Amino acid sequence: MAIAFYAEDIKLPAIKKRAVGNWVKEVAATYGKKVGDISYIFCSDEKILEVNRQYLQHDYYTDIITFDYCQGDRLSGDLFISLDTIRTNAEQFAGNDYERELHRVIIHGILHLCGINDKGPGEREIMEAAENKALA
């Protein structure tokens, strides 16, 4: 059981892997979950668009795509994160620096694996509250 960090077509972001790993485990535990095998794949906008088209038949850029391989209370998944979109979002949303936005998206994927959605009515607000709580 491990949390792994990879970079595809870009440079790995400067994150404290052990600290992020411990944080992810703490957040998962608040939802009664244990961390299994989690792979963070940091990539460019072009790569995430390719993944979005190939696996989800979506033709748009996004900050994260989460592939859920969870079993029971054990979280497992592949999380593709576009650093290009993170940078753009950090610039567009006043008061959010790049590092905070990166951490928001890192935990966003884990919250999805914990069962929190953000597509339906009222779900976005629930997700944002969970992100803010995790970032606090």
C-alpha atoms as a PDB file:
ATOM      1  CA  MET A   1       0.000   0.000   0.000  1.00  0.00           C
ATOM      2  CA  ALA A   2       1.609   3.183  -1.132  1.00  0.00           C
ATOM      3  CA  ILE A   3       1.159   6.661  -2.484  1.00  0.00           C
ATOM      4  CA  ALA A   4       3.320   7.229  -5.551  1.00  0.00           C
ATOM      5  CA  PHE A   5       4.055  10.375  -7.528  1.00  0.00           C
ATOM      6  CA  TYR A   6       4.850  10.352 -11.250  1.00  0.00           C
ATOM      7  CA  ALA A   7       5.352  12.951 -13.947  1.00  0.00           C
ATOM      8  CA  GLU A   8       4.356  12.362 -17.533  1.00  0.00           C
ATOM      9  CA  ASP A   9       5.578  14.840 -20.166  1.00  0.00           C
ATOM     10  CA  ILE A  10       6.410  17.468 -17.492  1.00  0.00           C
ATOM     11  CA  LYS A  11       8.622  17.945 -14.447  1.00  0.00           C
ATOM     12  CA  LEU A  12       7.391  16.587 -11.105  1.00  0.00           C
ATOM     13  CA  PRO A  13       6.131  19.483  -8.959  1.00  0.00           C
ATOM     14  CA  ALA A  14       8.145  20.403  -5.874  1.00  0.00           C
ATOM     15  CA  ILE A  15       5.970  18.801  -3.225  1.00  0.00           C
ATOM     16  CA  LYS A  16       6.930  17.242   0.086  1.00  0.00           C
ATOM     17  CA  LYS A  17       5.933  13.663  -0.764  1.00  0.00           C
ATOM     18  CA  ARG A  18       6.023  12.257   2.765  1.00  0.00           C
ATOM     19  CA  ALA A  19       4.040  15.200   4.185  1.00  0.00           C
ATOM     20  CA  VAL A  20       1.466  14.996   1.367  1.00  0.00           C
ATOM     21  CA  GLY A  21       1.205  11.238   1.860  1.00  0.00           C
ATOM     22  CA  ASN A  22       0.586  11.634   5.595  1.00  0.00           C
ATOM     23  CA  TRP A  23      -1.976  14.381   4.938  1.00  0.00           C
ATOM     24  CA  VAL A  24      -3.822  12.200   2.404  1.00  0.00           C
ATOM     25  CA  LYS A  25      -3.933   9.353   4.950  1.00  0.00           C
ATOM     26  CA  GLU A  26      -5.258  11.707   7.670  1.00  0.00           C
ATOM     27  CA  VAL A  27      -8.006  13.063   5.400  1.00  0.00           C
ATOM     28  CA  ALA A  28      -8.971   9.537   4.278  1.00  0.00           C
ATOM     29  CA  ALA A  29      -9.182   8.444   7.925  1.00  0.00           C
ATOM     30  CA  THR A  30     -11.703  11.209   8.692  1.00  0.00           C
ATOM     31  CA  TYR A  31     -14.003   9.431   6.203  1.00  0.00           C
ATOM     32  CA  GLY A  32     -13.326   6.011   7.737  1.00  0.00           C
ATOM     33  CA  LYS A  33     -11.050   5.025   4.850  1.00  0.00           C
ATOM     34  CA  LYS A  34      -7.554   3.571   4.593  1.00  0.00           C
ATOM     35  CA  VAL A  35      -5.110   4.394   1.817  1.00  0.00           C
ATOM     36  CA  GLY A  36      -4.276   1.566  -0.550  1.00  0.00           C
ATOM     37  CA  ASP A  37      -2.387   2.163  -3.782  1.00  0.00           C
ATOM     38  CA  ILE A  38      -2.711   5.764  -4.953  1.00  0.00           C
ATOM     39  CA  SER A  39      -0.814   7.015  -7.989  1.00  0.00           C
ATOM     40  CA  TYR A  40      -0.616  10.713  -8.696  1.00  0.00           C
ATOM     41  CA  ILE A  41       0.326  11.304 -12.335  1.00  0.00           C
ATOM     42  CA  PHE A  42       1.214  14.951 -12.934  1.00  0.00           C
ATOM     43  CA  CYS A  43       0.949  15.939 -16.585  1.00  0.00           C
ATOM     44  CA  SER A  44       0.327  18.717 -19.101  1.00  0.00           C
ATOM     45  CA  ASP A  45      -2.990  19.950 -20.483  1.00  0.00           C
ATOM     46  CA  GLU A  46      -2.351  17.990 -23.680  1.00  0.00           C
ATOM     47  CA  LYS A  47      -1.892  14.712 -21.779  1.00  0.00           C
ATOM     48  CA  ILE A  48      -4.991  15.186 -19.615  1.00  0.00           C
ATOM     49  CA  LEU A  49      -7.028  16.016 -22.731  1.00  0.00           C
ATOM     50  CA  GLU A  50      -5.761  12.781 -24.327  1.00  0.00           C
ATOM     51  CA  VAL A  51      -6.740  10.781 -21.206  1.00  0.00           C
ATOM     52  CA  ASN A  52     -10.130  12.519 -21.056  1.00  0.00           C
ATOM     53  CA  ARG A  53     -10.855  11.676 -24.705  1.00  0.00           C
ATOM     54  CA  GLN A  54      -9.522   8.125 -24.579  1.00  0.00           C
ATOM     55  CA  TYR A  55     -11.122   6.893 -21.357  1.00  0.00           C
ATOM     56  CA  LEU A  56     -14.084   9.186 -20.692  1.00  0.00           C
ATOM     57  CA  GLN A  57     -15.033  10.352 -24.205  1.00  0.00           C
ATOM     58  CA  HIS A  58     -14.858  13.959 -22.968  1.00  0.00           C
ATOM     59  CA  ASP A  59     -13.327  16.556 -25.278  1.00  0.00           C
ATOM     60  CA  TYR A  60     -12.149  19.185 -22.801  1.00  0.00           C
ATOM     61  CA  TYR A  61      -9.327  20.146 -20.486  1.00  0.00           C
ATOM     62  CA  THR A  62      -9.689  19.613 -16.741  1.00  0.00           C
ATOM     63  CA  ASP A  63      -7.533  19.887 -13.647  1.00  0.00           C
ATOM     64  CA  ILE A  64      -7.954  16.270 -12.469  1.00  0.00           C
ATOM     65  CA  ILE A  65      -9.250  12.917 -13.656  1.00  0.00           C
ATOM     66  CA  THR A  66      -9.714  10.298 -10.952  1.00  0.00           C
ATOM     67  CA  PHE A  67      -9.814   6.589 -11.791  1.00  0.00           C
ATOM     68  CA  ASP A  68     -11.372   4.779  -8.830  1.00  0.00           C
ATOM     69  CA  TYR A  69     -10.112   1.273  -7.971  1.00  0.00           C
ATOM     70  CA  CYS A  70     -11.353   1.323  -4.357  1.00  0.00           C
ATOM     71  CA  GLN A  71     -12.384  -1.867  -2.600  1.00  0.00           C
ATOM     72  CA  GLY A  72     -14.399  -1.579   0.585  1.00  0.00           C
ATOM     73  CA  ASP A  73     -12.833   1.014   2.867  1.00  0.00           C
ATOM     74  CA  ARG A  74      -9.457   0.914   1.077  1.00  0.00           C
ATOM     75  CA  LEU A  75      -8.812   3.817  -1.308  1.00  0.00           C
ATOM     76  CA  SER A  76      -6.980   3.008  -4.518  1.00  0.00           C
ATOM     77  CA  GLY A  77      -6.826   4.926  -7.757  1.00  0.00           C
ATOM     78  CA  ASP A  78      -4.910   6.731 -10.468  1.00  0.00           C
ATOM     79  CA  LEU A  79      -5.192  10.520 -10.303  1.00  0.00           C
ATOM     80  CA  PHE A  80      -4.102  12.466 -13.383  1.00  0.00           C
ATOM     81  CA  ILE A  81      -3.457  16.123 -12.548  1.00  0.00           C
ATOM     82  CA  SER A  82      -2.769  18.808 -15.166  1.00  0.00           C
ATOM     83  CA  LEU A  83      -0.216  21.260 -13.797  1.00  0.00           C
ATOM     84  CA  ASP A  84      -1.016  23.612 -16.705  1.00  0.00           C
ATOM     85  CA  THR A  85      -4.661  23.871 -15.615  1.00  0.00           C
ATOM     86  CA  ILE A  86      -3.634  24.205 -11.945  1.00  0.00           C
ATOM     87  CA  ARG A  87      -1.428  27.160 -12.896  1.00  0.00           C
ATOM     88  CA  THR A  88      -4.230  28.761 -14.954  1.00  0.00           C
ATOM     89  CA  ASN A  89      -6.810  28.239 -12.182  1.00  0.00           C
ATOM     90  CA  ALA A  90      -4.462  29.635  -9.537  1.00  0.00           C
ATOM     91  CA  GLU A  91      -4.022  32.786 -11.646  1.00  0.00           C
ATOM     92  CA  GLN A  92      -7.756  33.149 -12.392  1.00  0.00           C
ATOM     93  CA  PHE A  93      -9.072  32.677  -8.851  1.00  0.00           C
ATOM     94  CA  ALA A  94      -7.830  35.615  -6.809  1.00  0.00           C
ATOM     95  CA  GLY A  95      -6.198  34.721  -3.530  1.00  0.00           C
ATOM     96  CA  ASN A  96      -5.209  31.222  -4.584  1.00  0.00           C
ATOM     97  CA  ASP A  97      -1.525  30.647  -5.094  1.00  0.00           C
ATOM     98  CA  TYR A  98      -0.166  27.787  -7.192  1.00  0.00           C
ATOM     99  CA  GLU A  99       0.849  25.631  -4.237  1.00  0.00           C
ATOM    100  CA  ARG A 100      -2.543  25.962  -2.518  1.00  0.00           C
ATOM    101  CA  GLU A 101      -4.353  25.170  -5.776  1.00  0.00           C
ATOM    102  CA  LEU A 102      -2.114  22.132  -6.300  1.00  0.00           C
ATOM    103  CA  HIS A 103      -2.920  20.869  -2.800  1.00  0.00           C
ATOM    104  CA  ARG A 104      -6.631  21.554  -3.342  1.00  0.00           C
ATOM    105  CA  VAL A 105      -6.620  19.358  -6.447  1.00  0.00           C
ATOM    106  CA  ILE A 106      -4.464  16.671  -4.793  1.00  0.00           C
ATOM    107  CA  ILE A 107      -7.074  16.310  -2.029  1.00  0.00           C
ATOM    108  CA  HIS A 108     -10.015  16.750  -4.447  1.00  0.00           C
ATOM    109  CA  GLY A 109      -9.163  13.393  -6.013  1.00  0.00           C
ATOM    110  CA  ILE A 110      -8.958  11.712  -2.612  1.00  0.00           C
ATOM    111  CA  LEU A 111     -12.348  13.183  -1.652  1.00  0.00           C
ATOM    112  CA  HIS A 112     -13.801  11.664  -4.849  1.00  0.00           C
ATOM    113  CA  LEU A 113     -12.377   8.289  -3.794  1.00  0.00           C
ATOM    114  CA  CYS A 114     -14.024   8.823  -0.376  1.00  0.00           C
ATOM    115  CA  GLY A 115     -17.379   9.128  -2.155  1.00  0.00           C
ATOM    116  CA  ILE A 116     -17.844  12.885  -2.425  1.00  0.00           C
ATOM    117  CA  ASN A 117     -19.172  14.006  -5.801  1.00  0.00           C
ATOM    118  CA  ASP A 118     -19.308  17.445  -7.391  1.00  0.00           C
ATOM    119  CA  LYS A 119     -21.523  17.140 -10.465  1.00  0.00           C
ATOM    120  CA  GLY A 120     -25.074  17.054  -9.093  1.00  0.00           C
ATOM    121  CA  PRO A 121     -27.231  19.753  -7.450  1.00  0.00           C
ATOM    122  CA  GLY A 122     -25.596  21.058  -4.272  1.00  0.00           C
ATOM    123  CA  GLU A 123     -22.663  18.645  -4.569  1.00  0.00           C
ATOM    124  CA  ARG A 124     -20.144  21.287  -5.639  1.00  0.00           C
ATOM    125  CA  GLU A 125     -20.686  23.170  -2.365  1.00  0.00           C
ATOM    126  CA  ILE A 126     -20.248  19.960  -0.350  1.00  0.00           C
ATOM    127  CA  MET A 127     -17.001  19.224  -2.219  1.00  0.00           C
ATOM    128  CA  GLU A 128     -15.705  22.787  -1.696  1.00  0.00           C
ATOM    129  CA  ALA A 129     -16.477  22.595   2.028  1.00  0.00           C
ATOM    130  CA  ALA A 130     -14.638  19.243   2.249  1.00  0.00           C
ATOM    131  CA  GLU A 131     -11.660  20.680   0.337  1.00  0.00           C
ATOM    132  CA  ASN A 132     -11.523  23.742   2.613  1.00  0.00           C
ATOM    133  CA  LYS A 133     -11.725  21.571   5.727  1.00  0.00           C
ATOM    134  CA  ALA A 134      -8.890  19.345   4.445  1.00  0.00           C
ATOM    135  CA  LEU A 135      -6.746  22.380   3.531  1.00  0.00           C
ATOM    136  CA  ALA A 136      -7.266  24.071   6.921  1.00  0.00           C
END
